[in-house]
Amino acid sequence: MIARFLPMALVLTVLAACLPQDTALPDDIPPAFQGRWGINPADCDPTRADAKGFLGIGATMLTFYESRHRLEQVTEAGPDHLRASFAASGEGQIWDAEFLFDLQSDGQTLIRRDVEGATVSDPLVYNRCA
């Protein structure tokens, strides 16, 4: 009944303030995700030419063993979660890619899932390189 005595504009303003606000998504990959990652310890050795489980994450680029992925758009972001689309190239091919990344609470373990349409791959577990 209180709303009956308040101007409608004030009621709408108060209601809007109570609703969740859209949070702006970052333009870059957040720093917590950036760094050198490996599926096994040998992937972290920069002198090895066979580090197939290596993943380098920069502000706008992912570097895998035989491909590079340039950030196009972050579609979900949180302190420990990231979903983004990339323009990929490698071995003479170009394609679009989308990934989900979940950073574990220790900050040293990263879970990667590939997204293709409605299908999400099994997780790959990376450890931060020293």
N, C-alpha and C. Protein backbone atom coordinates (compact mmCIF):
# COMPACT_ATOMS: atom_id res chain seq x y z
N MET A 1 0.80 -1.20 0.00
CA MET A 1 0.00 0.00 0.00
C MET A 1 0.85 1.26 0.00
N ILE A 2 2.10 1.15 0.38
CA ILE A 2 2.97 2.33 0.39
C ILE A 2 3.12 2.90 -1.01
N ALA A 3 3.20 2.04 -2.01
CA ALA A 3 3.37 2.50 -3.38
C ALA A 3 2.23 3.40 -3.81
N ARG A 4 1.08 3.24 -3.23
CA ARG A 4 -0.08 4.06 -3.58
C ARG A 4 0.16 5.53 -3.25
N PHE A 5 1.03 5.78 -2.27
CA PHE A 5 1.27 7.15 -1.84
C PHE A 5 2.55 7.75 -2.41
N LEU A 6 3.34 6.94 -3.10
CA LEU A 6 4.58 7.44 -3.68
C LEU A 6 4.41 7.68 -5.17
N PRO A 7 5.09 8.67 -5.72
CA PRO A 7 5.04 8.86 -7.18
C PRO A 7 5.58 7.62 -7.89
N MET A 8 4.95 7.23 -8.99
CA MET A 8 5.34 6.03 -9.73
C MET A 8 6.81 6.08 -10.15
N ALA A 9 7.34 7.22 -10.54
CA ALA A 9 8.74 7.32 -10.95
C ALA A 9 9.67 6.92 -9.81
N LEU A 10 9.33 7.31 -8.58
CA LEU A 10 10.14 6.95 -7.43
C LEU A 10 10.08 5.45 -7.17
N VAL A 11 8.90 4.87 -7.28
CA VAL A 11 8.75 3.43 -7.09
C VAL A 11 9.59 2.67 -8.11
N LEU A 12 9.56 3.08 -9.37
CA LEU A 12 10.34 2.42 -10.41
C LEU A 12 11.83 2.57 -10.17
N THR A 13 12.25 3.72 -9.70
CA THR A 13 13.67 3.95 -9.40
C THR A 13 14.14 3.02 -8.28
N VAL A 14 13.34 2.90 -7.23
CA VAL A 14 13.69 2.03 -6.11
C VAL A 14 13.73 0.57 -6.56
N LEU A 15 12.75 0.14 -7.35
CA LEU A 15 12.73 -1.23 -7.85
C LEU A 15 13.93 -1.52 -8.75
N ALA A 16 14.28 -0.58 -9.61
CA ALA A 16 15.42 -0.77 -10.51
C ALA A 16 16.72 -0.90 -9.71
N ALA A 17 16.84 -0.19 -8.62
CA ALA A 17 18.04 -0.26 -7.80
C ALA A 17 18.17 -1.62 -7.11
N CYS A 18 17.06 -2.32 -6.92
CA CYS A 18 17.07 -3.63 -6.27
C CYS A 18 17.38 -4.77 -7.24
N LEU A 19 17.24 -4.53 -8.53
CA LEU A 19 17.49 -5.57 -9.52
C LEU A 19 18.99 -5.71 -9.77
N PRO A 20 19.44 -6.94 -10.13
CA PRO A 20 20.87 -7.10 -10.45
C PRO A 20 21.26 -6.20 -11.62
N GLN A 21 22.42 -5.61 -11.51
CA GLN A 21 22.91 -4.72 -12.56
C GLN A 21 23.81 -5.49 -13.51
N ASP A 22 23.74 -5.16 -14.79
CA ASP A 22 24.65 -5.77 -15.76
C ASP A 22 26.07 -5.32 -15.44
N THR A 23 26.98 -6.26 -15.46
CA THR A 23 28.38 -5.96 -15.24
C THR A 23 29.08 -5.95 -16.59
N ALA A 24 29.85 -4.94 -16.83
CA ALA A 24 30.57 -4.85 -18.10
C ALA A 24 31.59 -5.98 -18.18
N LEU A 25 31.65 -6.59 -19.34
CA LEU A 25 32.62 -7.66 -19.57
C LEU A 25 33.97 -7.06 -19.95
N PRO A 26 35.05 -7.70 -19.58
CA PRO A 26 36.37 -7.16 -19.91
C PRO A 26 36.66 -7.27 -21.41
N ASP A 27 37.53 -6.40 -21.90
CA ASP A 27 37.98 -6.45 -23.30
C ASP A 27 39.16 -7.40 -23.46
N ASP A 28 39.84 -7.72 -22.37
CA ASP A 28 41.01 -8.58 -22.39
C ASP A 28 40.78 -9.79 -21.47
N ILE A 29 41.66 -10.75 -21.58
CA ILE A 29 41.63 -11.89 -20.67
C ILE A 29 42.15 -11.39 -19.32
N PRO A 30 41.40 -11.61 -18.25
CA PRO A 30 41.82 -11.10 -16.94
C PRO A 30 43.19 -11.65 -16.52
N PRO A 31 43.97 -10.85 -15.81
CA PRO A 31 45.32 -11.24 -15.41
C PRO A 31 45.41 -12.56 -14.64
N ALA A 32 44.42 -12.91 -13.86
CA ALA A 32 44.47 -14.16 -13.09
C ALA A 32 44.61 -15.38 -13.99
N PHE A 33 44.13 -15.30 -15.23
CA PHE A 33 44.19 -16.42 -16.17
C PHE A 33 45.48 -16.41 -17.00
N GLN A 34 46.15 -15.28 -17.05
CA GLN A 34 47.32 -15.13 -17.91
C GLN A 34 48.52 -15.87 -17.34
N GLY A 35 49.35 -16.35 -18.25
CA GLY A 35 50.57 -17.03 -17.85
C GLY A 35 50.86 -18.24 -18.72
N ARG A 36 51.79 -19.05 -18.26
CA ARG A 36 52.19 -20.27 -18.97
C ARG A 36 51.60 -21.45 -18.22
N TRP A 37 50.94 -22.34 -18.95
CA TRP A 37 50.24 -23.48 -18.36
C TRP A 37 50.66 -24.75 -19.09
N GLY A 38 50.67 -25.88 -18.37
CA GLY A 38 51.01 -27.15 -18.98
C GLY A 38 50.15 -28.28 -18.44
N ILE A 39 49.84 -29.24 -19.31
CA ILE A 39 49.09 -30.41 -18.87
C ILE A 39 50.00 -31.33 -18.05
N ASN A 40 51.27 -31.39 -18.42
CA ASN A 40 52.23 -32.16 -17.62
C ASN A 40 53.49 -31.30 -17.45
N PRO A 41 54.35 -31.63 -16.51
CA PRO A 41 55.52 -30.78 -16.23
C PRO A 41 56.41 -30.52 -17.45
N ALA A 42 56.54 -31.48 -18.35
CA ALA A 42 57.40 -31.29 -19.53
C ALA A 42 56.87 -30.17 -20.43
N ASP A 43 55.57 -29.92 -20.40
CA ASP A 43 54.99 -28.85 -21.22
C ASP A 43 55.48 -27.46 -20.80
N CYS A 44 55.98 -27.36 -19.60
CA CYS A 44 56.44 -26.07 -19.08
C CYS A 44 57.91 -25.78 -19.41
N ASP A 45 58.58 -26.73 -20.01
CA ASP A 45 59.99 -26.56 -20.37
C ASP A 45 60.08 -25.85 -21.72
N PRO A 46 60.48 -24.57 -21.75
CA PRO A 46 60.50 -23.81 -23.01
C PRO A 46 61.52 -24.32 -24.02
N THR A 47 62.44 -25.18 -23.59
CA THR A 47 63.43 -25.71 -24.53
C THR A 47 62.92 -26.93 -25.29
N ARG A 48 61.78 -27.47 -24.88
CA ARG A 48 61.25 -28.67 -25.53
C ARG A 48 60.44 -28.28 -26.75
N ALA A 49 60.69 -28.97 -27.85
CA ALA A 49 59.93 -28.73 -29.08
C ALA A 49 58.66 -29.58 -29.15
N ASP A 50 58.50 -30.50 -28.20
CA ASP A 50 57.35 -31.40 -28.23
C ASP A 50 56.36 -31.15 -27.09
N ALA A 51 56.26 -29.91 -26.63
CA ALA A 51 55.38 -29.56 -25.52
C ALA A 51 53.94 -29.42 -26.03
N LYS A 52 53.31 -30.54 -26.36
CA LYS A 52 51.98 -30.52 -26.97
C LYS A 52 50.87 -30.11 -26.01
N GLY A 53 51.14 -30.16 -24.71
CA GLY A 53 50.15 -29.75 -23.73
C GLY A 53 50.35 -28.34 -23.20
N PHE A 54 51.17 -27.56 -23.90
CA PHE A 54 51.44 -26.18 -23.48
C PHE A 54 50.29 -25.26 -23.85
N LEU A 55 49.98 -24.31 -22.97
CA LEU A 55 49.01 -23.25 -23.24
C LEU A 55 49.56 -21.95 -22.67
N GLY A 56 49.82 -20.98 -23.53
CA GLY A 56 50.22 -19.65 -23.10
C GLY A 56 49.02 -18.73 -23.20
N ILE A 57 48.74 -18.01 -22.14
CA ILE A 57 47.61 -17.08 -22.13
C ILE A 57 48.12 -15.68 -21.89
N GLY A 58 47.87 -14.80 -22.86
CA GLY A 58 48.20 -13.39 -22.73
C GLY A 58 46.92 -12.58 -22.63
N ALA A 59 47.03 -11.28 -22.67
CA ALA A 59 45.86 -10.41 -22.54
C ALA A 59 44.86 -10.60 -23.67
N THR A 60 45.35 -10.91 -24.88
CA THR A 60 44.45 -11.05 -26.03
C THR A 60 44.77 -12.25 -26.91
N MET A 61 45.64 -13.15 -26.43
CA MET A 61 46.09 -14.25 -27.28
C MET A 61 46.28 -15.53 -26.47
N LEU A 62 45.85 -16.65 -27.07
CA LEU A 62 46.17 -17.98 -26.56
C LEU A 62 47.20 -18.59 -27.50
N THR A 63 48.20 -19.23 -26.96
CA THR A 63 49.22 -19.90 -27.76
C THR A 63 49.23 -21.37 -27.37
N PHE A 64 48.92 -22.22 -28.33
CA PHE A 64 48.98 -23.66 -28.14
C PHE A 64 50.21 -24.19 -28.89
N TYR A 65 50.42 -25.47 -28.84
CA TYR A 65 51.56 -26.12 -29.48
C TYR A 65 51.66 -25.75 -30.96
N GLU A 66 50.57 -25.85 -31.71
CA GLU A 66 50.61 -25.58 -33.15
C GLU A 66 49.57 -24.57 -33.62
N SER A 67 49.04 -23.75 -32.71
CA SER A 67 48.03 -22.78 -33.13
C SER A 67 48.06 -21.54 -32.24
N ARG A 68 47.51 -20.49 -32.78
CA ARG A 68 47.38 -19.21 -32.07
C ARG A 68 45.91 -18.82 -32.14
N HIS A 69 45.39 -18.27 -31.06
CA HIS A 69 43.99 -17.88 -30.97
C HIS A 69 43.93 -16.42 -30.50
N ARG A 70 43.42 -15.55 -31.36
CA ARG A 70 43.29 -14.12 -31.02
C ARG A 70 41.91 -13.88 -30.43
N LEU A 71 41.86 -13.24 -29.28
CA LEU A 71 40.60 -12.95 -28.59
C LEU A 71 39.70 -12.10 -29.45
N GLU A 72 38.46 -12.54 -29.61
CA GLU A 72 37.45 -11.74 -30.30
C GLU A 72 36.47 -11.13 -29.30
N GLN A 73 35.97 -11.97 -28.36
CA GLN A 73 34.98 -11.45 -27.42
C GLN A 73 34.92 -12.30 -26.17
N VAL A 74 34.90 -11.64 -25.02
CA VAL A 74 34.63 -12.29 -23.75
C VAL A 74 33.11 -12.28 -23.59
N THR A 75 32.52 -13.47 -23.37
CA THR A 75 31.06 -13.56 -23.25
C THR A 75 30.61 -13.83 -21.82
N GLU A 76 31.49 -14.34 -20.98
CA GLU A 76 31.22 -14.52 -19.55
C GLU A 76 32.53 -14.30 -18.81
N ALA A 77 32.44 -13.64 -17.66
CA ALA A 77 33.67 -13.41 -16.89
C ALA A 77 33.34 -13.28 -15.41
N GLY A 78 34.17 -13.89 -14.61
CA GLY A 78 34.09 -13.77 -13.16
C GLY A 78 35.49 -13.93 -12.62
N PRO A 79 35.67 -13.85 -11.33
CA PRO A 79 37.02 -13.97 -10.76
C PRO A 79 37.69 -15.29 -11.10
N ASP A 80 36.90 -16.35 -11.27
CA ASP A 80 37.48 -17.66 -11.54
C ASP A 80 36.85 -18.36 -12.74
N HIS A 81 36.14 -17.62 -13.58
CA HIS A 81 35.47 -18.20 -14.74
C HIS A 81 35.59 -17.26 -15.94
N LEU A 82 35.82 -17.84 -17.11
CA LEU A 82 35.92 -17.05 -18.32
C LEU A 82 35.38 -17.88 -19.48
N ARG A 83 34.56 -17.25 -20.31
CA ARG A 83 34.10 -17.84 -21.57
C ARG A 83 34.37 -16.81 -22.64
N ALA A 84 35.04 -17.25 -23.72
CA ALA A 84 35.42 -16.29 -24.75
C ALA A 84 35.52 -16.97 -26.10
N SER A 85 35.36 -16.15 -27.15
CA SER A 85 35.50 -16.64 -28.52
C SER A 85 36.79 -16.07 -29.11
N PHE A 86 37.38 -16.86 -30.02
CA PHE A 86 38.68 -16.54 -30.58
C PHE A 86 38.70 -16.80 -32.08
N ALA A 87 39.55 -16.05 -32.78
CA ALA A 87 39.88 -16.33 -34.18
C ALA A 87 41.19 -17.12 -34.14
N ALA A 88 41.15 -18.34 -34.65
CA ALA A 88 42.29 -19.24 -34.52
C ALA A 88 42.98 -19.47 -35.85
N SER A 89 44.28 -19.77 -35.78
CA SER A 89 45.04 -20.12 -36.97
C SER A 89 46.17 -21.06 -36.58
N GLY A 90 46.48 -21.95 -37.52
CA GLY A 90 47.58 -22.87 -37.29
C GLY A 90 47.64 -23.91 -38.38
N GLU A 91 48.84 -24.32 -38.74
CA GLU A 91 49.07 -25.32 -39.76
C GLU A 91 48.32 -25.01 -41.07
N GLY A 92 48.31 -23.73 -41.45
CA GLY A 92 47.69 -23.31 -42.70
C GLY A 92 46.17 -23.22 -42.67
N GLN A 93 45.56 -23.39 -41.52
CA GLN A 93 44.11 -23.35 -41.38
C GLN A 93 43.69 -22.14 -40.54
N ILE A 94 42.45 -21.68 -40.72
CA ILE A 94 41.85 -20.67 -39.85
C ILE A 94 40.46 -21.17 -39.44
N TRP A 95 40.06 -20.86 -38.21
CA TRP A 95 38.75 -21.29 -37.71
C TRP A 95 38.37 -20.43 -36.51
N ASP A 96 37.13 -20.55 -36.11
CA ASP A 96 36.64 -19.89 -34.90
C ASP A 96 36.66 -20.89 -33.76
N ALA A 97 36.95 -20.43 -32.58
CA ALA A 97 36.99 -21.31 -31.41
C ALA A 97 36.37 -20.59 -30.22
N GLU A 98 35.80 -21.39 -29.33
CA GLU A 98 35.24 -20.85 -28.09
C GLU A 98 35.68 -21.76 -26.96
N PHE A 99 36.07 -21.15 -25.84
CA PHE A 99 36.56 -21.91 -24.69
C PHE A 99 35.90 -21.43 -23.41
N LEU A 100 35.78 -22.37 -22.48
CA LEU A 100 35.43 -22.07 -21.09
C LEU A 100 36.68 -22.33 -20.26
N PHE A 101 37.02 -21.40 -19.39
CA PHE A 101 38.14 -21.57 -18.48
C PHE A 101 37.64 -21.39 -17.05
N ASP A 102 38.04 -22.31 -16.18
CA ASP A 102 37.73 -22.20 -14.76
C ASP A 102 39.03 -22.29 -13.99
N LEU A 103 39.32 -21.25 -13.25
CA LEU A 103 40.52 -21.17 -12.44
C LEU A 103 40.19 -21.71 -11.05
N GLN A 104 40.94 -22.68 -10.59
CA GLN A 104 40.69 -23.25 -9.28
C GLN A 104 41.15 -22.29 -8.19
N SER A 105 40.66 -22.50 -6.98
CA SER A 105 40.90 -21.54 -5.90
C SER A 105 42.38 -21.35 -5.57
N ASP A 106 43.22 -22.34 -5.88
CA ASP A 106 44.65 -22.18 -5.60
C ASP A 106 45.35 -21.27 -6.61
N GLY A 107 44.67 -20.93 -7.72
CA GLY A 107 45.25 -20.08 -8.74
C GLY A 107 46.32 -20.77 -9.57
N GLN A 108 46.57 -22.05 -9.27
CA GLN A 108 47.63 -22.80 -9.95
C GLN A 108 47.09 -23.87 -10.88
N THR A 109 45.78 -24.08 -10.88
CA THR A 109 45.13 -25.10 -11.69
C THR A 109 44.05 -24.44 -12.54
N LEU A 110 44.07 -24.75 -13.83
CA LEU A 110 43.13 -24.19 -14.78
C LEU A 110 42.43 -25.33 -15.51
N ILE A 111 41.11 -25.27 -15.59
CA ILE A 111 40.32 -26.24 -16.32
C ILE A 111 39.87 -25.60 -17.62
N ARG A 112 40.12 -26.27 -18.75
CA ARG A 112 39.72 -25.76 -20.07
C ARG A 112 38.71 -26.73 -20.68
N ARG A 113 37.65 -26.15 -21.24
CA ARG A 113 36.67 -26.92 -22.00
C ARG A 113 36.47 -26.21 -23.33
N ASP A 114 36.41 -26.99 -24.40
CA ASP A 114 36.14 -26.44 -25.73
C ASP A 114 34.63 -26.44 -25.94
N VAL A 115 34.13 -25.37 -26.55
CA VAL A 115 32.69 -25.25 -26.81
C VAL A 115 32.48 -25.26 -28.31
N GLU A 116 31.59 -26.14 -28.75
CA GLU A 116 31.23 -26.20 -30.16
C GLU A 116 29.72 -26.30 -30.25
N GLY A 117 29.07 -25.16 -30.53
CA GLY A 117 27.61 -25.13 -30.50
C GLY A 117 27.13 -25.38 -29.09
N ALA A 118 26.24 -26.38 -28.93
CA ALA A 118 25.72 -26.72 -27.61
C ALA A 118 26.57 -27.79 -26.92
N THR A 119 27.64 -28.23 -27.57
CA THR A 119 28.48 -29.29 -27.03
C THR A 119 29.69 -28.69 -26.31
N VAL A 120 29.95 -29.19 -25.12
CA VAL A 120 31.12 -28.78 -24.34
C VAL A 120 31.97 -30.02 -24.13
N SER A 121 33.25 -29.91 -24.43
CA SER A 121 34.17 -31.05 -24.33
C SER A 121 34.43 -31.45 -22.88
N ASP A 122 35.04 -32.60 -22.73
CA ASP A 122 35.53 -33.01 -21.42
C ASP A 122 36.61 -32.03 -21.00
N PRO A 123 36.80 -31.87 -19.70
CA PRO A 123 37.80 -30.89 -19.22
C PRO A 123 39.24 -31.36 -19.44
N LEU A 124 40.09 -30.39 -19.74
CA LEU A 124 41.54 -30.58 -19.73
C LEU A 124 42.08 -29.80 -18.53
N VAL A 125 42.94 -30.41 -17.77
CA VAL A 125 43.47 -29.80 -16.56
C VAL A 125 44.90 -29.35 -16.80
N TYR A 126 45.14 -28.06 -16.57
CA TYR A 126 46.46 -27.45 -16.73
C TYR A 126 46.97 -27.01 -15.37
N ASN A 127 48.28 -27.04 -15.20
CA ASN A 127 48.92 -26.49 -14.02
C ASN A 127 49.80 -25.30 -14.45
N ARG A 128 49.82 -24.30 -13.59
CA ARG A 128 50.63 -23.10 -13.90
C ARG A 128 52.11 -23.48 -13.89
N CYS A 129 52.81 -23.04 -14.91
CA CYS A 129 54.25 -23.27 -14.99
C CYS A 129 54.97 -22.36 -14.01
N ALA A 130 56.03 -22.88 -13.44
CA ALA A 130 56.81 -22.09 -12.45
C ALA A 130 57.60 -21.01 -13.15
